[in-house]
Every structure is written in C-alpha cells, then in structure tokens.
Amino acid sequence: MLTSIKRTKIPIFAIMSTLTIHPVDQNQETAIRLFLDALHVDYKTNEKDIDDTAYLMSSVPMQEHLDKAAEQEKKGEGVKISIDDIWK
C-alpha cells in the first residue's frame, strides 16, 4: 500500500550581512569600490564628501586611461554624440 508524503514549504530567509573592510592602501580601496560599483552594491563610507576626481585619479590605470582620453580630445580625435543619440 502506498502512502502519500505530505510536502511542506520550507521558508527561505535572505541573510544580509554588514561587512567591514579595511583596505591597506588607496589602490585596494579604489579596486574594492570599483568592484562594488560594478556589482551595483550599495555601500557607505565614513567620508563626509568624496571628491570624484581624486577617487578616479587614485588608480594608476584609470589615471592613464583618462590622460589618454584627454590627449585624444585635444588632438580632435574625440567623438561627439548628441544627447538624443546616447541610448541608440
């Protein structure tokens, strides 16, 4: 004789943790911030105001990329895109 097995739903809870990260230098901090930004993870810092320029220029590869882009623009090699064409 077959007996039926009663199935019950097991509640699944989302566990969210608070992480405290202690980067040892500015390069690590920049890498962590860029990683979190790429994952669209919301995070807070203990800084009152973050200077965006200083943040971007704190990474040597990013600084080199921005310097190269500025030089290309000075040489007229930049590409202008209309505001209407940005999302096309």
C-alpha atoms as a PDB file:
ATOM      1  CA  MET A   1       0.000   0.000   0.000  1.00  0.00           C
ATOM      2  CA  LEU A   2       1.368   3.411  -0.982  1.00  0.00           C
ATOM      3  CA  THR A   3       1.153   6.250   1.441  1.00  0.00           C
ATOM      4  CA  SER A   4       1.352   9.861   0.448  1.00  0.00           C
ATOM      5  CA  ILE A   5       4.061  12.080   1.774  1.00  0.00           C
ATOM      6  CA  LYS A   6       2.956  15.469   2.940  1.00  0.00           C
ATOM      7  CA  ARG A   7       5.191  18.137   1.462  1.00  0.00           C
ATOM      8  CA  THR A   8       5.692  21.285   3.404  1.00  0.00           C
ATOM      9  CA  LYS A   9       7.189  24.507   2.235  1.00  0.00           C
ATOM     10  CA  ILE A  10      10.402  25.470   3.940  1.00  0.00           C
ATOM     11  CA  PRO A  11      10.739  29.219   4.351  1.00  0.00           C
ATOM     12  CA  ILE A  12      13.868  30.676   2.864  1.00  0.00           C
ATOM     13  CA  PHE A  13      15.257  33.760   4.520  1.00  0.00           C
ATOM     14  CA  ALA A  14      17.602  36.177   2.849  1.00  0.00           C
ATOM     15  CA  ILE A  15      20.582  36.750   5.058  1.00  0.00           C
ATOM     16  CA  MET A  16      22.246  40.104   4.641  1.00  0.00           C
ATOM     17  CA  SER A  17      25.442  40.893   6.432  1.00  0.00           C
ATOM     18  CA  THR A  18      27.335  44.027   7.177  1.00  0.00           C
ATOM     19  CA  LEU A  19      30.923  43.811   6.050  1.00  0.00           C
ATOM     20  CA  THR A  20      33.664  45.972   7.430  1.00  0.00           C
ATOM     21  CA  ILE A  21      36.596  46.128   5.046  1.00  0.00           C
ATOM     22  CA  HIS A  22      39.985  47.597   5.868  1.00  0.00           C
ATOM     23  CA  PRO A  23      41.985  48.241   2.679  1.00  0.00           C
ATOM     24  CA  VAL A  24      45.701  48.630   3.324  1.00  0.00           C
ATOM     25  CA  ASP A  25      46.206  51.385   0.747  1.00  0.00           C
ATOM     26  CA  GLN A  26      44.413  53.664  -1.701  1.00  0.00           C
ATOM     27  CA  ASN A  27      44.815  51.207  -4.590  1.00  0.00           C
ATOM     28  CA  GLN A  28      42.983  48.483  -2.671  1.00  0.00           C
ATOM     29  CA  GLU A  29      40.243  50.902  -1.674  1.00  0.00           C
ATOM     30  CA  THR A  30      39.775  52.024  -5.262  1.00  0.00           C
ATOM     31  CA  ALA A  31      39.674  48.423  -6.507  1.00  0.00           C
ATOM     32  CA  ILE A  32      37.075  47.494  -3.882  1.00  0.00           C
ATOM     33  CA  ARG A  33      34.914  50.499  -4.730  1.00  0.00           C
ATOM     34  CA  LEU A  34      35.101  49.774  -8.463  1.00  0.00           C
ATOM     35  CA  PHE A  35      34.192  46.125  -7.796  1.00  0.00           C
ATOM     36  CA  LEU A  36      31.192  47.078  -5.663  1.00  0.00           C
ATOM     37  CA  ASP A  37      30.103  49.669  -8.231  1.00  0.00           C
ATOM     38  CA  ALA A  38      30.295  47.041 -10.995  1.00  0.00           C
ATOM     39  CA  LEU A  39      28.060  44.723  -8.956  1.00  0.00           C
ATOM     40  CA  HIS A  40      25.656  47.597  -8.162  1.00  0.00           C
ATOM     41  CA  VAL A  41      26.208  47.001  -4.450  1.00  0.00           C
ATOM     42  CA  ASP A  42      25.158  49.874  -2.225  1.00  0.00           C
ATOM     43  CA  TYR A  43      27.858  50.844   0.243  1.00  0.00           C
ATOM     44  CA  LYS A  44      28.628  53.652   2.625  1.00  0.00           C
ATOM     45  CA  THR A  45      31.868  55.277   3.562  1.00  0.00           C
ATOM     46  CA  ASN A  46      32.809  57.208   6.628  1.00  0.00           C
ATOM     47  CA  GLU A  47      33.915  60.145   4.498  1.00  0.00           C
ATOM     48  CA  LYS A  48      31.710  63.235   4.509  1.00  0.00           C
ATOM     49  CA  ASP A  49      32.318  64.125   0.863  1.00  0.00           C
ATOM     50  CA  ILE A  50      34.051  62.019  -1.721  1.00  0.00           C
ATOM     51  CA  ASP A  51      35.985  64.001  -4.287  1.00  0.00           C
ATOM     52  CA  ASP A  52      35.144  62.197  -7.533  1.00  0.00           C
ATOM     53  CA  THR A  53      38.231  63.463  -9.339  1.00  0.00           C
ATOM     54  CA  ALA A  54      40.561  62.329  -6.566  1.00  0.00           C
ATOM     55  CA  TYR A  55      38.775  58.976  -6.455  1.00  0.00           C
ATOM     56  CA  LEU A  56      39.147  58.395 -10.202  1.00  0.00           C
ATOM     57  CA  MET A  57      42.734  59.621 -10.288  1.00  0.00           C
ATOM     58  CA  SER A  58      43.763  57.419  -7.345  1.00  0.00           C
ATOM     59  CA  SER A  59      44.010  54.389  -9.630  1.00  0.00           C
ATOM     60  CA  VAL A  60      47.063  54.432 -11.909  1.00  0.00           C
ATOM     61  CA  PRO A  61      45.346  52.534 -14.759  1.00  0.00           C
ATOM     62  CA  MET A  62      42.318  54.839 -14.582  1.00  0.00           C
ATOM     63  CA  GLN A  63      44.572  57.901 -14.466  1.00  0.00           C
ATOM     64  CA  GLU A  64      46.418  56.676 -17.584  1.00  0.00           C
ATOM     65  CA  HIS A  65      43.122  55.994 -19.356  1.00  0.00           C
ATOM     66  CA  LEU A  66      41.755  59.455 -18.551  1.00  0.00           C
ATOM     67  CA  ASP A  67      45.025  61.147 -19.561  1.00  0.00           C
ATOM     68  CA  LYS A  68      44.959  59.284 -22.885  1.00  0.00           C
ATOM     69  CA  ALA A  69      41.336  60.300 -23.477  1.00  0.00           C
ATOM     70  CA  ALA A  70      42.149  63.954 -22.719  1.00  0.00           C
ATOM     71  CA  GLU A  71      45.063  63.874 -25.191  1.00  0.00           C
ATOM     72  CA  GLN A  72      42.837  62.351 -27.869  1.00  0.00           C
ATOM     73  CA  GLU A  73      40.295  65.114 -27.318  1.00  0.00           C
ATOM     74  CA  LYS A  74      42.995  67.793 -27.618  1.00  0.00           C
ATOM     75  CA  LYS A  75      44.074  66.276 -30.953  1.00  0.00           C
ATOM     76  CA  GLY A  76      40.497  66.408 -32.229  1.00  0.00           C
ATOM     77  CA  GLU A  77      40.140  62.634 -32.112  1.00  0.00           C
ATOM     78  CA  GLY A  78      37.186  62.736 -29.744  1.00  0.00           C
ATOM     79  CA  VAL A  79      33.718  61.699 -30.849  1.00  0.00           C
ATOM     80  CA  LYS A  80      30.790  63.999 -30.137  1.00  0.00           C
ATOM     81  CA  ILE A  81      27.459  62.307 -29.540  1.00  0.00           C
ATOM     82  CA  SER A  82      24.178  64.165 -29.487  1.00  0.00           C
ATOM     83  CA  ILE A  83      22.173  63.830 -26.290  1.00  0.00           C
ATOM     84  CA  ASP A  84      19.395  62.310 -28.419  1.00  0.00           C
ATOM     85  CA  ASP A  85      21.752  59.583 -29.702  1.00  0.00           C
ATOM     86  CA  ILE A  86      23.258  58.450 -26.395  1.00  0.00           C
ATOM     87  CA  TRP A  87      20.948  55.475 -25.864  1.00  0.00           C
ATOM     88  CA  LYS A  88      20.703  54.371 -29.517  1.00  0.00           C
END
